Structures are given as C-alpha cells and as structure tokens.
C-alpha cells in the first residue's frame, strides 16, 4: 500500500523536525507555528496523536510488499507510534516551558535525528525489511 508508505515517511519527517531545535527550523517557520499550535490547542494535539497512532498501526499490519506481515516495517512502525506518544505528552497542557527546555537540551534532539535517519533509510530503501 504505497499511500501508507508515503504517509508514514511524511509523519516521521514532520515529527522529527518538530523535535529538532529552533536553529534547524529557522528556514521552516511553519514548524514553529505548528509547534505552538500543538502546545496551545488540545484538539490539534489529539488529532496529531490519533493520526500518528493510526498510521503506525496500519504500517505495522500492512507493510510494504517485500516485508513479512507484522515484521516488515517494525522499526518504522514503532518509531511512528513512539513519536506520536512523545509529541502528545511533551506538548501537553500540564507541561511547562522549563520541563520542555530540560528535555530539549539533548534527548529530544537525539530522538529527532534518529527518527529522521530512520525515515531517510525507509525512504531510500523501501524494500529493505527494517526489523
């Protein structure tokens, strides 16, 4: 299912760019606006989470054709699910800016870079079984 493949890559890239620091996003100002919408509006945050959850589960159960069922796209599926949960909880209303900045110092940047690398590998070599 090629549409799901493109959606999964787009979701991973967008989520990775949201997690990267501001210096990476200066050229992409819509990401700063989208991140502020995620932190301010609960409906946008829930919609983003549900979209990521649905894409992750669909990617898990319907992998690209050369991959086996439930194992073909395991790493991209787990990455999508993890990014959906991470963004949902990091940008929740209960978190203040100090908590977010303490996480951003290193962990979120490394997670963003790793998920961007997974998206790049998944895009460049779609027939590779990422298990």
Protein backbone atom coordinates (compact mmCIF):
# COMPACT_ATOMS: atom_id res chain seq x y z
CA UNK A 1 0.00 0.00 0.00
CA UNK A 2 2.07 2.85 -1.35
CA UNK A 3 -0.11 5.63 0.12
CA UNK A 4 0.56 4.35 3.63
CA UNK A 5 4.27 4.25 2.85
CA UNK A 6 4.30 7.93 1.86
CA UNK A 7 2.15 8.90 4.87
CA UNK A 8 4.48 7.09 7.25
CA UNK A 9 7.54 8.85 5.85
CA UNK A 10 5.81 12.24 5.94
CA UNK A 11 4.70 11.71 9.55
CA UNK A 12 8.20 10.66 10.65
CA UNK A 13 9.84 13.63 8.91
CA UNK A 14 7.34 16.15 10.30
CA UNK A 15 7.60 14.74 13.82
CA UNK A 16 11.39 14.68 13.63
CA UNK A 17 11.52 18.29 12.50
CA UNK A 18 9.18 19.30 15.34
CA UNK A 19 11.57 17.77 17.87
CA UNK A 20 14.72 19.39 16.46
CA UNK A 21 15.95 22.68 17.92
CA UNK A 22 14.95 26.14 16.74
CA UNK A 23 18.19 26.67 14.82
CA UNK A 24 17.17 23.87 12.45
CA UNK A 25 13.72 25.37 11.91
CA UNK A 26 14.51 28.99 11.12
CA UNK A 27 14.12 28.31 7.41
CA UNK A 28 10.87 26.42 8.04
CA UNK A 29 8.80 28.91 10.00
CA UNK A 30 5.60 26.88 9.64
CA UNK A 31 7.11 24.32 12.04
CA UNK A 32 7.41 26.93 14.78
CA UNK A 33 3.78 27.88 14.25
CA UNK A 34 2.70 24.23 14.19
CA UNK A 35 4.62 23.52 17.39
CA UNK A 36 2.89 26.42 19.14
CA UNK A 37 -0.49 25.10 17.94
CA UNK A 38 0.39 21.70 19.36
CA UNK A 39 1.18 23.15 22.76
CA UNK A 40 -1.82 25.50 22.88
CA UNK A 41 -4.69 23.56 21.30
CA UNK A 42 -5.64 20.18 22.73
CA UNK A 43 -7.73 19.24 19.69
CA UNK A 44 -4.76 19.68 17.34
CA UNK A 45 -2.57 17.65 19.70
CA UNK A 46 -5.16 14.83 19.92
CA UNK A 47 -5.70 14.84 16.14
CA UNK A 48 -1.94 14.64 15.54
CA UNK A 49 -1.65 11.81 18.05
CA UNK A 50 -4.56 9.85 16.58
CA UNK A 51 -3.20 10.33 13.07
CA UNK A 52 0.21 9.02 14.12
CA UNK A 53 -1.33 6.14 16.04
CA UNK A 54 -3.46 5.11 13.05
CA UNK A 55 -0.53 5.38 10.62
CA UNK A 56 1.72 3.41 12.97
CA UNK A 57 -0.77 0.59 13.45
CA UNK A 58 -1.64 0.45 9.76
CA UNK A 59 2.06 0.40 8.89
CA UNK A 60 2.55 -2.44 11.36
CA UNK A 61 -0.26 -4.59 9.94
CA UNK A 62 0.10 -3.61 6.26
CA UNK A 63 3.85 -3.45 5.49
CA UNK A 64 5.33 -2.79 2.08
CA UNK A 65 5.07 -5.86 -0.23
CA UNK A 66 8.50 -7.50 0.28
CA UNK A 67 8.15 -7.37 4.06
CA UNK A 68 6.53 -10.11 6.12
CA UNK A 69 3.31 -9.40 8.00
CA UNK A 70 3.87 -7.80 11.45
CA UNK A 71 7.64 -7.66 10.98
CA UNK A 72 8.30 -5.98 7.65
CA UNK A 73 8.13 -2.41 8.85
CA UNK A 74 8.54 -2.95 12.57
CA UNK A 75 11.13 -0.25 13.21
CA UNK A 76 9.30 2.47 11.22
CA UNK A 77 6.01 1.49 12.86
CA UNK A 78 7.44 1.60 16.36
CA UNK A 79 9.13 4.91 15.52
CA UNK A 80 5.84 6.42 14.35
CA UNK A 81 4.00 5.21 17.46
CA UNK A 82 6.78 6.46 19.73
CA UNK A 83 6.85 9.88 18.06
CA UNK A 84 3.06 10.18 18.31
CA UNK A 85 3.12 9.41 22.04
CA UNK A 86 6.19 11.58 22.66
CA UNK A 87 4.80 14.66 20.95
CA UNK A 88 1.43 14.17 22.63
CA UNK A 89 2.96 14.07 26.11
CA UNK A 90 5.72 16.64 25.64
CA UNK A 91 3.32 19.25 24.30
CA UNK A 92 0.53 18.52 26.79
CA UNK A 93 -1.03 21.35 28.77
CA UNK A 94 0.41 20.06 32.04
CA UNK A 95 3.99 20.57 30.93
CA UNK A 96 5.57 23.95 31.46
CA UNK A 97 8.32 25.55 29.41
CA UNK A 98 11.07 24.68 31.93
CA UNK A 99 10.26 20.97 31.64
CA UNK A 100 10.27 21.19 27.87
CA UNK A 101 13.60 23.04 27.77
CA UNK A 102 15.21 20.49 30.09
CA UNK A 103 14.16 17.71 27.74
CA UNK A 104 15.13 19.64 24.64
CA UNK A 105 18.68 20.06 25.89
CA UNK A 106 19.73 16.76 24.42
CA UNK A 107 17.29 13.91 24.43
CA UNK A 108 14.68 15.31 22.09
CA UNK A 109 17.31 16.42 19.61
CA UNK A 110 18.85 12.93 19.53
CA UNK A 111 15.42 11.33 19.15
CA UNK A 112 14.61 13.73 16.31
CA UNK A 113 17.86 12.98 14.50
CA UNK A 114 17.45 9.21 14.93
CA UNK A 115 13.88 9.22 13.66
CA UNK A 116 14.92 11.40 10.72
CA UNK A 117 17.61 8.84 9.89
CA UNK A 118 15.05 6.02 10.09
CA UNK A 119 12.72 7.95 7.77
CA UNK A 120 15.59 8.53 5.32
CA UNK A 121 16.55 4.84 5.30
CA UNK A 122 12.90 3.85 4.95
CA UNK A 123 12.54 6.25 2.01
CA UNK A 124 15.77 5.39 0.19
CA UNK A 125 15.47 1.61 0.54
CA UNK A 126 11.75 0.77 0.71
CA UNK A 127 12.24 -2.94 0.03
CA UNK A 128 14.61 -3.34 2.99
CA UNK A 129 12.92 -5.14 5.86
CA UNK A 130 13.60 -2.88 8.83
CA UNK A 131 13.30 -5.34 11.68
